[in-house]
């Protein structure tokens, strides 16, 4: 196996892992926020404080998802995944030494 093919395999493996992680993290974060706020709504003392953030989060997800909160969560996750892929590509590009960054001492 040549050095070039090892680099390509490393690059593709890195991209796939980055895409999966940066896709799942926003979904997990939104799900945890919704679960915590929904559980806080069940307690009598915290219900008024939990209702407003819960409604705001659902409104945001509904707006981003064109009427469907799950589609809004997927929109956030896909966007985060694309940004993560761009950052991973950029850092790999820098680590390969393809460009030089001038540092001031």
PDB file of N, CA and C in Angstrom:
ATOM      1  N   UNK A   1       0.846  -1.173   0.000  1.00  0.00           N
ATOM      2  CA  UNK A   1       0.000   0.000   0.000  1.00  0.00           C
ATOM      3  C   UNK A   1       0.897   1.243   0.000  1.00  0.00           C
ATOM      4  N   UNK A   2       0.601   2.149  -0.871  1.00  0.00           N
ATOM      5  CA  UNK A   2       1.432   3.332  -1.004  1.00  0.00           C
ATOM      6  C   UNK A   2       1.069   4.371   0.060  1.00  0.00           C
ATOM      7  N   UNK A   3       1.946   5.316   0.207  1.00  0.00           N
ATOM      8  CA  UNK A   3       1.722   6.382   1.183  1.00  0.00           C
ATOM      9  C   UNK A   3       0.508   7.218   0.801  1.00  0.00           C
ATOM     10  N   UNK A   4       0.330   7.436  -0.490  1.00  0.00           N
ATOM     11  CA  UNK A   4      -0.807   8.246  -0.954  1.00  0.00           C
ATOM     12  C   UNK A   4      -2.130   7.555  -0.639  1.00  0.00           C
ATOM     13  N   UNK A   5      -2.216   6.249  -0.828  1.00  0.00           N
ATOM     14  CA  UNK A   5      -3.463   5.549  -0.546  1.00  0.00           C
ATOM     15  C   UNK A   5      -3.740   5.501   0.955  1.00  0.00           C
ATOM     16  N   UNK A   6      -2.683   5.454   1.775  1.00  0.00           N
ATOM     17  CA  UNK A   6      -2.878   5.518   3.224  1.00  0.00           C
ATOM     18  C   UNK A   6      -3.447   6.866   3.632  1.00  0.00           C
ATOM     19  N   UNK A   7      -2.951   7.915   3.009  1.00  0.00           N
ATOM     20  CA  UNK A   7      -3.467   9.258   3.314  1.00  0.00           C
ATOM     21  C   UNK A   7      -4.933   9.389   2.927  1.00  0.00           C
ATOM     22  N   UNK A   8      -5.285   8.823   1.777  1.00  0.00           N
ATOM     23  CA  UNK A   8      -6.674   8.906   1.320  1.00  0.00           C
ATOM     24  C   UNK A   8      -7.575   8.116   2.263  1.00  0.00           C
ATOM     25  N   UNK A   9      -7.138   6.938   2.688  1.00  0.00           N
ATOM     26  CA  UNK A   9      -7.931   6.136   3.623  1.00  0.00           C
ATOM     27  C   UNK A   9      -8.103   6.872   4.947  1.00  0.00           C
ATOM     28  N   UNK A  10      -7.023   7.477   5.436  1.00  0.00           N
ATOM     29  CA  UNK A  10      -7.091   8.242   6.675  1.00  0.00           C
ATOM     30  C   UNK A  10      -8.058   9.415   6.520  1.00  0.00           C
ATOM     31  N   UNK A  11      -7.967  10.100   5.402  1.00  0.00           N
ATOM     32  CA  UNK A  11      -8.819  11.260   5.156  1.00  0.00           C
ATOM     33  C   UNK A  11     -10.290  10.840   5.107  1.00  0.00           C
ATOM     34  N   UNK A  12     -10.600   9.784   4.391  1.00  0.00           N
ATOM     35  CA  UNK A  12     -11.989   9.334   4.281  1.00  0.00           C
ATOM     36  C   UNK A  12     -12.522   8.831   5.622  1.00  0.00           C
ATOM     37  N   UNK A  13     -11.700   8.103   6.361  1.00  0.00           N
ATOM     38  CA  UNK A  13     -12.123   7.630   7.677  1.00  0.00           C
ATOM     39  C   UNK A  13     -12.373   8.810   8.608  1.00  0.00           C
ATOM     40  N   UNK A  14     -11.518   9.798   8.544  1.00  0.00           N
ATOM     41  CA  UNK A  14     -11.686  10.986   9.365  1.00  0.00           C
ATOM     42  C   UNK A  14     -12.966  11.737   8.996  1.00  0.00           C
ATOM     43  N   UNK A  15     -13.238  11.848   7.714  1.00  0.00           N
ATOM     44  CA  UNK A  15     -14.455  12.541   7.271  1.00  0.00           C
ATOM     45  C   UNK A  15     -15.711  11.803   7.711  1.00  0.00           C
ATOM     46  N   UNK A  16     -15.712  10.490   7.586  1.00  0.00           N
ATOM     47  CA  UNK A  16     -16.897   9.716   7.977  1.00  0.00           C
ATOM     48  C   UNK A  16     -17.149   9.836   9.479  1.00  0.00           C
ATOM     49  N   UNK A  17     -16.093   9.703  10.270  1.00  0.00           N
ATOM     50  CA  UNK A  17     -16.263   9.825  11.719  1.00  0.00           C
ATOM     51  C   UNK A  17     -16.716  11.229  12.114  1.00  0.00           C
ATOM     52  N   UNK A  18     -16.149  12.236  11.479  1.00  0.00           N
ATOM     53  CA  UNK A  18     -16.541  13.616  11.771  1.00  0.00           C
ATOM     54  C   UNK A  18     -17.998  13.845  11.389  1.00  0.00           C
ATOM     55  N   UNK A  19     -18.407  13.342  10.234  1.00  0.00           N
ATOM     56  CA  UNK A  19     -19.788  13.520   9.790  1.00  0.00           C
ATOM     57  C   UNK A  19     -20.769  12.868  10.758  1.00  0.00           C
ATOM     58  N   UNK A  20     -20.454  11.669  11.205  1.00  0.00           N
ATOM     59  CA  UNK A  20     -21.354  10.967  12.123  1.00  0.00           C
ATOM     60  C   UNK A  20     -21.434  11.687  13.470  1.00  0.00           C
ATOM     61  N   UNK A  21     -20.292  12.045  14.019  1.00  0.00           N
ATOM     62  CA  UNK A  21     -20.277  12.686  15.338  1.00  0.00           C
ATOM     63  C   UNK A  21     -20.950  14.048  15.304  1.00  0.00           C
ATOM     64  N   UNK A  22     -20.622  14.854  14.293  1.00  0.00           N
ATOM     65  CA  UNK A  22     -21.209  16.199  14.239  1.00  0.00           C
ATOM     66  C   UNK A  22     -22.673  16.180  13.810  1.00  0.00           C
ATOM     67  N   UNK A  23     -23.145  15.061  13.270  1.00  0.00           N
ATOM     68  CA  UNK A  23     -24.570  14.929  12.975  1.00  0.00           C
ATOM     69  C   UNK A  23     -25.338  14.523  14.233  1.00  0.00           C
ATOM     70  N   UNK A  24     -24.774  13.607  14.996  1.00  0.00           N
ATOM     71  CA  UNK A  24     -25.486  13.084  16.163  1.00  0.00           C
ATOM     72  C   UNK A  24     -25.485  14.033  17.354  1.00  0.00           C
ATOM     73  N   UNK A  25     -24.423  14.810  17.532  1.00  0.00           N
ATOM     74  CA  UNK A  25     -24.331  15.674  18.712  1.00  0.00           C
ATOM     75  C   UNK A  25     -25.470  16.692  18.812  1.00  0.00           C
ATOM     76  N   UNK A  26     -25.804  17.423  17.750  1.00  0.00           N
ATOM     77  CA  UNK A  26     -26.937  18.359  17.884  1.00  0.00           C
ATOM     78  C   UNK A  26     -28.265  17.644  18.145  1.00  0.00           C
ATOM     79  N   UNK A  27     -28.457  16.460  17.532  1.00  0.00           N
ATOM     80  CA  UNK A  27     -29.691  15.719  17.783  1.00  0.00           C
ATOM     81  C   UNK A  27     -29.779  15.285  19.241  1.00  0.00           C
ATOM     82  N   UNK A  28     -28.664  14.813  19.785  1.00  0.00           N
ATOM     83  CA  UNK A  28     -28.643  14.392  21.184  1.00  0.00           C
ATOM     84  C   UNK A  28     -28.873  15.591  22.102  1.00  0.00           C
ATOM     85  N   UNK A  29     -28.241  16.720  21.794  1.00  0.00           N
ATOM     86  CA  UNK A  29     -28.405  17.919  22.618  1.00  0.00           C
ATOM     87  C   UNK A  29     -29.855  18.417  22.607  1.00  0.00           C
ATOM     88  N   UNK A  30     -30.481  18.451  21.437  1.00  0.00           N
ATOM     89  CA  UNK A  30     -31.874  18.893  21.349  1.00  0.00           C
ATOM     90  C   UNK A  30     -32.783  17.919  22.087  1.00  0.00           C
ATOM     91  N   UNK A  31     -32.536  16.623  21.932  1.00  0.00           N
ATOM     92  CA  UNK A  31     -33.364  15.623  22.618  1.00  0.00           C
ATOM     93  C   UNK A  31     -33.222  15.743  24.135  1.00  0.00           C
ATOM     94  N   UNK A  32     -32.004  15.943  24.623  1.00  0.00           N
ATOM     95  CA  UNK A  32     -31.802  16.093  26.072  1.00  0.00           C
ATOM     96  C   UNK A  32     -32.505  17.346  26.575  1.00  0.00           C
ATOM     97  N   UNK A  33     -32.381  18.444  25.841  1.00  0.00           N
ATOM     98  CA  UNK A  33     -33.059  19.686  26.257  1.00  0.00           C
ATOM     99  C   UNK A  33     -34.568  19.499  26.313  1.00  0.00           C
ATOM    100  N   UNK A  34     -35.129  18.855  25.297  1.00  0.00           N
ATOM    101  CA  UNK A  34     -36.579  18.635  25.288  1.00  0.00           C
ATOM    102  C   UNK A  34     -37.006  17.702  26.417  1.00  0.00           C
ATOM    103  N   UNK A  35     -36.233  16.655  26.668  1.00  0.00           N
ATOM    104  CA  UNK A  35     -36.582  15.727  27.744  1.00  0.00           C
ATOM    105  C   UNK A  35     -36.498  16.385  29.120  1.00  0.00           C
ATOM    106  N   UNK A  36     -35.453  17.166  29.342  1.00  0.00           N
ATOM    107  CA  UNK A  36     -35.311  17.848  30.630  1.00  0.00           C
ATOM    108  C   UNK A  36     -36.445  18.841  30.830  1.00  0.00           C
ATOM    109  N   UNK A  37     -36.735  19.633  29.799  1.00  0.00           N
ATOM    110  CA  UNK A  37     -37.813  20.624  29.940  1.00  0.00           C
ATOM    111  C   UNK A  37     -39.173  19.957  30.081  1.00  0.00           C
ATOM    112  N   UNK A  38     -39.396  18.852  29.387  1.00  0.00           N
ATOM    113  CA  UNK A  38     -40.672  18.140  29.519  1.00  0.00           C
ATOM    114  C   UNK A  38     -40.811  17.524  30.905  1.00  0.00           C
ATOM    115  N   UNK A  39     -39.706  17.013  31.452  1.00  0.00           N
ATOM    116  CA  UNK A  39     -39.785  16.439  32.803  1.00  0.00           C
ATOM    117  C   UNK A  39     -39.954  17.529  33.854  1.00  0.00           C
ATOM    118  N   UNK A  40     -39.355  18.694  33.634  1.00  0.00           N
ATOM    119  CA  UNK A  40     -39.543  19.800  34.581  1.00  0.00           C
ATOM    120  C   UNK A  40     -40.972  20.318  34.562  1.00  0.00           C
ATOM    121  N   UNK A  41     -41.660  20.165  33.433  1.00  0.00           N
ATOM    122  CA  UNK A  41     -43.050  20.598  33.355  1.00  0.00           C
ATOM    123  C   UNK A  41     -43.965  19.730  34.221  1.00  0.00           C
ATOM    124  N   UNK A  42     -43.531  18.532  34.545  1.00  0.00           N
ATOM    125  CA  UNK A  42     -44.357  17.630  35.340  1.00  0.00           C
ATOM    126  C   UNK A  42     -44.331  17.970  36.831  1.00  0.00           C
ATOM    127  N   UNK A  43     -43.300  18.676  37.256  1.00  0.00           N
ATOM    128  CA  UNK A  43     -43.248  19.061  38.671  1.00  0.00           C
ATOM    129  C   UNK A  43     -44.052  20.346  38.874  1.00  0.00           C
ATOM    130  N   UNK A  44     -44.867  20.392  39.919  1.00  0.00           N
ATOM    131  CA  UNK A  44     -45.762  21.534  40.109  1.00  0.00           C
ATOM    132  C   UNK A  44     -45.051  22.878  40.298  1.00  0.00           C
ATOM    133  N   UNK A  45     -43.938  22.900  40.985  1.00  0.00           N
ATOM    134  CA  UNK A  45     -43.269  24.166  41.261  1.00  0.00           C
ATOM    135  C   UNK A  45     -42.499  24.724  40.072  1.00  0.00           C
ATOM    136  N   UNK A  46     -42.012  23.861  39.206  1.00  0.00           N
ATOM    137  CA  UNK A  46     -41.164  24.301  38.092  1.00  0.00           C
ATOM    138  C   UNK A  46     -41.901  24.382  36.754  1.00  0.00           C
ATOM    139  N   UNK A  47     -43.149  24.006  36.750  1.00  0.00           N
ATOM    140  CA  UNK A  47     -43.905  23.971  35.504  1.00  0.00           C
ATOM    141  C   UNK A  47     -43.960  25.314  34.776  1.00  0.00           C
ATOM    142  N   UNK A  48     -44.214  26.421  35.462  1.00  0.00           N
ATOM    143  CA  UNK A  48     -44.261  27.693  34.728  1.00  0.00           C
ATOM    144  C   UNK A  48     -42.911  28.097  34.137  1.00  0.00           C
ATOM    145  N   UNK A  49     -41.821  27.759  34.826  1.00  0.00           N
ATOM    146  CA  UNK A  49     -40.504  28.133  34.330  1.00  0.00           C
ATOM    147  C   UNK A  49     -40.052  27.250  33.178  1.00  0.00           C
ATOM    148  N   UNK A  50     -40.524  26.036  33.129  1.00  0.00           N
ATOM    149  CA  UNK A  50     -40.103  25.107  32.075  1.00  0.00           C
ATOM    150  C   UNK A  50     -40.969  25.236  30.823  1.00  0.00           C
ATOM    151  N   UNK A  51     -42.168  25.759  30.954  1.00  0.00           N
ATOM    152  CA  UNK A  51     -43.083  25.824  29.808  1.00  0.00           C
ATOM    153  C   UNK A  51     -42.600  26.791  28.731  1.00  0.00           C
ATOM    154  N   UNK A  52     -42.127  27.955  29.130  1.00  0.00           N
ATOM    155  CA  UNK A  52     -41.698  28.958  28.149  1.00  0.00           C
ATOM    156  C   UNK A  52     -40.483  28.490  27.334  1.00  0.00           C
ATOM    157  N   UNK A  53     -39.407  27.976  27.959  1.00  0.00           N
ATOM    158  CA  UNK A  53     -38.281  27.499  27.136  1.00  0.00           C
ATOM    159  C   UNK A  53     -38.656  26.318  26.246  1.00  0.00           C
ATOM    160  N   UNK A  54     -39.526  25.442  26.755  1.00  0.00           N
ATOM    161  CA  UNK A  54     -39.971  24.300  25.958  1.00  0.00           C
ATOM    162  C   UNK A  54     -40.717  24.779  24.713  1.00  0.00           C
ATOM    163  N   UNK A  55     -41.632  25.715  24.904  1.00  0.00           N
ATOM    164  CA  UNK A  55     -42.384  26.257  23.763  1.00  0.00           C
ATOM    165  C   UNK A  55     -41.467  26.993  22.786  1.00  0.00           C
ATOM    166  N   UNK A  56     -40.497  27.748  23.309  1.00  0.00           N
ATOM    167  CA  UNK A  56     -39.573  28.471  22.436  1.00  0.00           C
ATOM    168  C   UNK A  56     -38.715  27.512  21.615  1.00  0.00           C
ATOM    169  N   UNK A  57     -38.232  26.439  22.233  1.00  0.00           N
ATOM    170  CA  UNK A  57     -37.424  25.464  21.513  1.00  0.00           C
ATOM    171  C   UNK A  57     -38.244  24.766  20.434  1.00  0.00           C
ATOM    172  N   UNK A  58     -39.481  24.399  20.757  1.00  0.00           N
ATOM    173  CA  UNK A  58     -40.338  23.784  19.744  1.00  0.00           C
ATOM    174  C   UNK A  58     -40.677  24.760  18.618  1.00  0.00           C
ATOM    175  N   UNK A  59     -40.863  26.029  18.960  1.00  0.00           N
ATOM    176  CA  UNK A  59     -41.131  27.040  17.938  1.00  0.00           C
ATOM    177  C   UNK A  59     -39.932  27.199  17.008  1.00  0.00           C
ATOM    178  N   UNK A  60     -38.724  27.227  17.576  1.00  0.00           N
ATOM    179  CA  UNK A  60     -37.519  27.319  16.763  1.00  0.00           C
ATOM    180  C   UNK A  60     -37.392  26.114  15.838  1.00  0.00           C
ATOM    181  N   UNK A  61     -37.575  24.927  16.375  1.00  0.00           N
ATOM    182  CA  UNK A  61     -37.464  23.720  15.555  1.00  0.00           C
ATOM    183  C   UNK A  61     -38.552  23.670  14.484  1.00  0.00           C
ATOM    184  N   UNK A  62     -39.753  24.119  14.824  1.00  0.00           N
ATOM    185  CA  UNK A  62     -40.843  24.159  13.845  1.00  0.00           C
ATOM    186  C   UNK A  62     -40.543  25.154  12.733  1.00  0.00           C
ATOM    187  N   UNK A  63     -39.970  26.288  13.086  1.00  0.00           N
ATOM    188  CA  UNK A  63     -39.622  27.300  12.084  1.00  0.00           C
ATOM    189  C   UNK A  63     -38.537  26.782  11.145  1.00  0.00           C
ATOM    190  N   UNK A  64     -37.510  26.173  11.705  1.00  0.00           N
ATOM    191  CA  UNK A  64     -36.429  25.647  10.864  1.00  0.00           C
ATOM    192  C   UNK A  64     -36.862  24.452  10.040  1.00  0.00           C
ATOM    193  N   UNK A  65     -37.879  23.727  10.526  1.00  0.00           N
ATOM    194  CA  UNK A  65     -38.332  22.535   9.822  1.00  0.00           C
ATOM    195  C   UNK A  65     -39.555  22.748   8.966  1.00  0.00           C
ATOM    196  N   UNK A  66     -39.905  23.978   8.666  1.00  0.00           N
ATOM    197  CA  UNK A  66     -41.073  24.295   7.836  1.00  0.00           C
ATOM    198  C   UNK A  66     -42.347  23.641   8.361  1.00  0.00           C
ATOM    199  N   UNK A  67     -42.530  23.722   9.679  1.00  0.00           N
ATOM    200  CA  UNK A  67     -43.755  23.209  10.276  1.00  0.00           C
ATOM    201  C   UNK A  67     -43.579  21.909  11.036  1.00  0.00           C
ATOM    202  N   UNK A  68     -42.453  21.254  10.917  1.00  0.00           N
ATOM    203  CA  UNK A  68     -42.232  19.981  11.597  1.00  0.00           C
ATOM    204  C   UNK A  68     -40.994  20.089  12.496  1.00  0.00           C
ATOM    205  N   UNK A  69     -41.153  19.920  13.802  1.00  0.00           N
ATOM    206  CA  UNK A  69     -39.998  20.060  14.704  1.00  0.00           C
ATOM    207  C   UNK A  69     -38.878  19.046  14.424  1.00  0.00           C
ATOM    208  N   UNK A  70     -39.234  17.819  14.059  1.00  0.00           N
ATOM    209  CA  UNK A  70     -38.200  16.817  13.770  1.00  0.00           C
ATOM    210  C   UNK A  70     -37.387  17.201  12.547  1.00  0.00           C
ATOM    211  N   UNK A  71     -38.057  17.768  11.563  1.00  0.00           N
ATOM    212  CA  UNK A  71     -37.342  18.225  10.377  1.00  0.00           C
ATOM    213  C   UNK A  71     -36.429  19.400  10.735  1.00  0.00           C
ATOM    214  N   UNK A  72     -36.836  20.237  11.679  1.00  0.00           N
ATOM    215  CA  UNK A  72     -35.985  21.320  12.148  1.00  0.00           C
ATOM    216  C   UNK A  72     -34.750  20.802  12.855  1.00  0.00           C
ATOM    217  N   UNK A  73     -34.919  19.756  13.665  1.00  0.00           N
ATOM    218  CA  UNK A  73     -33.764  19.151  14.335  1.00  0.00           C
ATOM    219  C   UNK A  73     -32.822  18.534  13.307  1.00  0.00           C
ATOM    220  N   UNK A  74     -33.369  17.916  12.272  1.00  0.00           N
ATOM    221  CA  UNK A  74     -32.532  17.348  11.204  1.00  0.00           C
ATOM    222  C   UNK A  74     -31.813  18.443  10.430  1.00  0.00           C
ATOM    223  N   UNK A  75     -32.461  19.585  10.244  1.00  0.00           N
ATOM    224  CA  UNK A  75     -31.826  20.708   9.567  1.00  0.00           C
ATOM    225  C   UNK A  75     -30.612  21.191  10.355  1.00  0.00           C
ATOM    226  N   UNK A  76     -30.762  21.303  11.661  1.00  0.00           N
ATOM    227  CA  UNK A  76     -29.648  21.715  12.505  1.00  0.00           C
ATOM    228  C   UNK A  76     -28.529  20.682  12.443  1.00  0.00           C
ATOM    229  N   UNK A  77     -28.898  19.404  12.505  1.00  0.00           N
ATOM    230  CA  UNK A  77     -27.896  18.336  12.496  1.00  0.00           C
ATOM    231  C   UNK A  77     -27.136  18.274  11.173  1.00  0.00           C
ATOM    232  N   UNK A  78     -27.831  18.431  10.066  1.00  0.00           N
ATOM    233  CA  UNK A  78     -27.166  18.394   8.754  1.00  0.00           C
ATOM    234  C   UNK A  78     -26.242  19.597   8.597  1.00  0.00           C
ATOM    235  N   UNK A  79     -26.700  20.757   9.050  1.00  0.00           N
ATOM    236  CA  UNK A  79     -25.863  21.951   8.971  1.00  0.00           C
ATOM    237  C   UNK A  79     -24.605  21.791   9.823  1.00  0.00           C
ATOM    238  N   UNK A  80     -24.757  21.285  11.032  1.00  0.00           N
ATOM    239  CA  UNK A  80     -23.600  21.068  11.899  1.00  0.00           C
ATOM    240  C   UNK A  80     -22.648  20.044  11.289  1.00  0.00           C
ATOM    241  N   UNK A  81     -23.197  19.030  10.651  1.00  0.00           N
ATOM    242  CA  UNK A  81     -22.364  18.011  10.018  1.00  0.00           C
ATOM    243  C   UNK A  81     -21.560  18.603   8.862  1.00  0.00           C
ATOM    244  N   UNK A  82     -22.182  19.440   8.068  1.00  0.00           N
ATOM    245  CA  UNK A  82     -21.460  20.079   6.964  1.00  0.00           C
ATOM    246  C   UNK A  82     -20.359  21.002   7.478  1.00  0.00           C
ATOM    247  N   UNK A  83     -20.642  21.742   8.526  1.00  0.00           N
ATOM    248  CA  UNK A  83     -19.624  22.618   9.112  1.00  0.00           C
ATOM    249  C   UNK A  83     -18.476  21.793   9.683  1.00  0.00           C
ATOM    250  N   UNK A  84     -18.806  20.704  10.355  1.00  0.00           N
ATOM    251  CA  UNK A  84     -17.772  19.819  10.877  1.00  0.00           C
ATOM    252  C   UNK A  84     -16.906  19.229   9.780  1.00  0.00           C
ATOM    253  N   UNK A  85     -17.519  18.859   8.666  1.00  0.00           N
ATOM    254  CA  UNK A  85     -16.755  18.333   7.528  1.00  0.00           C
ATOM    255  C   UNK A  85     -15.832  19.396   6.944  1.00  0.00           C
ATOM    256  N   UNK A  86     -16.311  20.614   6.869  1.00  0.00           N
ATOM    257  CA  UNK A  86     -15.466  21.694   6.353  1.00  0.00           C
ATOM    258  C   UNK A  86     -14.274  21.953   7.274  1.00  0.00           C
ATOM    259  N   UNK A  87     -14.515  21.967   8.582  1.00  0.00           N
ATOM    260  CA  UNK A  87     -13.411  22.159   9.525  1.00  0.00           C
ATOM    261  C   UNK A  87     -12.418  21.006   9.461  1.00  0.00           C
ATOM    262  N   UNK A  88     -12.926  19.785   9.344  1.00  0.00           N
ATOM    263  CA  UNK A  88     -12.038  18.632   9.273  1.00  0.00           C
ATOM    264  C   UNK A  88     -11.196  18.678   8.001  1.00  0.00           C
ATOM    265  N   UNK A  89     -11.805  19.057   6.900  1.00  0.00           N
ATOM    266  CA  UNK A  89     -11.062  19.174   5.650  1.00  0.00           C
ATOM    267  C   UNK A  89      -9.996  20.259   5.758  1.00  0.00           C
ATOM    268  N   UNK A  90     -10.351  21.365   6.380  1.00  0.00           N
ATOM    269  CA  UNK A  90      -9.390  22.465   6.537  1.00  0.00           C
ATOM    270  C   UNK A  90      -8.213  22.061   7.422  1.00  0.00           C
ATOM    271  N   UNK A  91      -8.501  21.406   8.543  1.00  0.00           N
ATOM    272  CA  UNK A  91      -7.405  21.008   9.433  1.00  0.00           C
ATOM    273  C   UNK A  91      -6.527  19.943   8.795  1.00  0.00           C
ATOM    274  N   UNK A  92      -7.124  19.059   8.030  1.00  0.00           N
ATOM    275  CA  UNK A  92      -6.307  18.070   7.328  1.00  0.00           C
ATOM    276  C   UNK A  92      -5.446  18.744   6.274  1.00  0.00           C
ATOM    277  N   UNK A  93      -6.001  19.731   5.617  1.00  0.00           N
ATOM    278  CA  UNK A  93      -5.260  20.484   4.609  1.00  0.00           C
ATOM    279  C   UNK A  93      -4.057  21.186   5.250  1.00  0.00           C
ATOM    280  N   UNK A  94      -4.277  21.764   6.431  1.00  0.00           N
ATOM    281  CA  UNK A  94      -3.174  22.421   7.135  1.00  0.00           C
ATOM    282  C   UNK A  94      -2.143  21.417   7.635  1.00  0.00           C
ATOM    283  N   UNK A  95      -2.602  20.273   8.113  1.00  0.00           N
ATOM    284  CA  UNK A  95      -1.667  19.298   8.674  1.00  0.00           C
ATOM    285  C   UNK A  95      -0.836  18.609   7.602  1.00  0.00           C
ATOM    286  N   UNK A  96      -1.302  18.598   6.378  1.00  0.00           N
ATOM    287  CA  UNK A  96      -0.540  17.995   5.292  1.00  0.00           C
ATOM    288  C   UNK A  96       0.601  18.888   4.840  1.00  0.00           C
ATOM    289  N   UNK A  97       0.608  20.107   5.301  1.00  0.00           N
ATOM    290  CA  UNK A  97       1.683  21.035   4.922  1.00  0.00           C
ATOM    291  C   UNK A  97       1.507  21.568   3.515  1.00  0.00           C
ATOM    292  N   UNK A  98       0.273  21.562   3.019  1.00  0.00           N
ATOM    293  CA  UNK A  98       0.031  22.030   1.669  1.00  0.00           C
ATOM    294  C   UNK A  98       0.078  23.548   1.578  1.00  0.00           C
ATOM    295  N   UNK A  99      -0.175  24.194   2.699  1.00  0.00           N
ATOM    296  CA  UNK A  99      -0.009  25.640   2.751  1.00  0.00           C
ATOM    297  C   UNK A  99       0.854  25.955   3.960  1.00  0.00           C
ATOM    298  N   UNK A 100       1.491  27.042   3.910  1.00  0.00           N
ATOM    299  CA  UNK A 100       2.328  27.438   5.049  1.00  0.00           C
ATOM    300  C   UNK A 100       1.687  28.633   5.730  1.00  0.00           C
ATOM    301  N   UNK A 101       1.649  28.567   7.018  1.00  0.00           N
ATOM    302  CA  UNK A 101       1.107  29.655   7.804  1.00  0.00           C
ATOM    303  C   UNK A 101       2.272  30.373   8.450  1.00  0.00           C
ATOM    304  N   UNK A 102       2.390  31.661   8.164  1.00  0.00           N
ATOM    305  CA  UNK A 102       3.485  32.437   8.725  1.00  0.00           C
ATOM    306  C   UNK A 102       3.146  32.832  10.159  1.00  0.00           C
ATOM    307  N   UNK A 103       4.059  32.523  11.049  1.00  0.00           N
ATOM    308  CA  UNK A 103       3.870  32.881  12.452  1.00  0.00           C
ATOM    309  C   UNK A 103       4.831  33.992  12.823  1.00  0.00           C
ATOM    310  N   UNK A 104       4.293  34.916  13.565  1.00  0.00           N
ATOM    311  CA  UNK A 104       5.139  36.003  14.052  1.00  0.00           C
ATOM    312  C   UNK A 104       5.671  35.630  15.408  1.00  0.00           C
ATOM    313  N   UNK A 105       6.927  35.909  15.639  1.00  0.00           N
ATOM    314  CA  UNK A 105       7.544  35.573  16.928  1.00  0.00           C
ATOM    315  C   UNK A 105       7.648  36.811  17.771  1.00  0.00           C
TER     316      UNK A 105
END
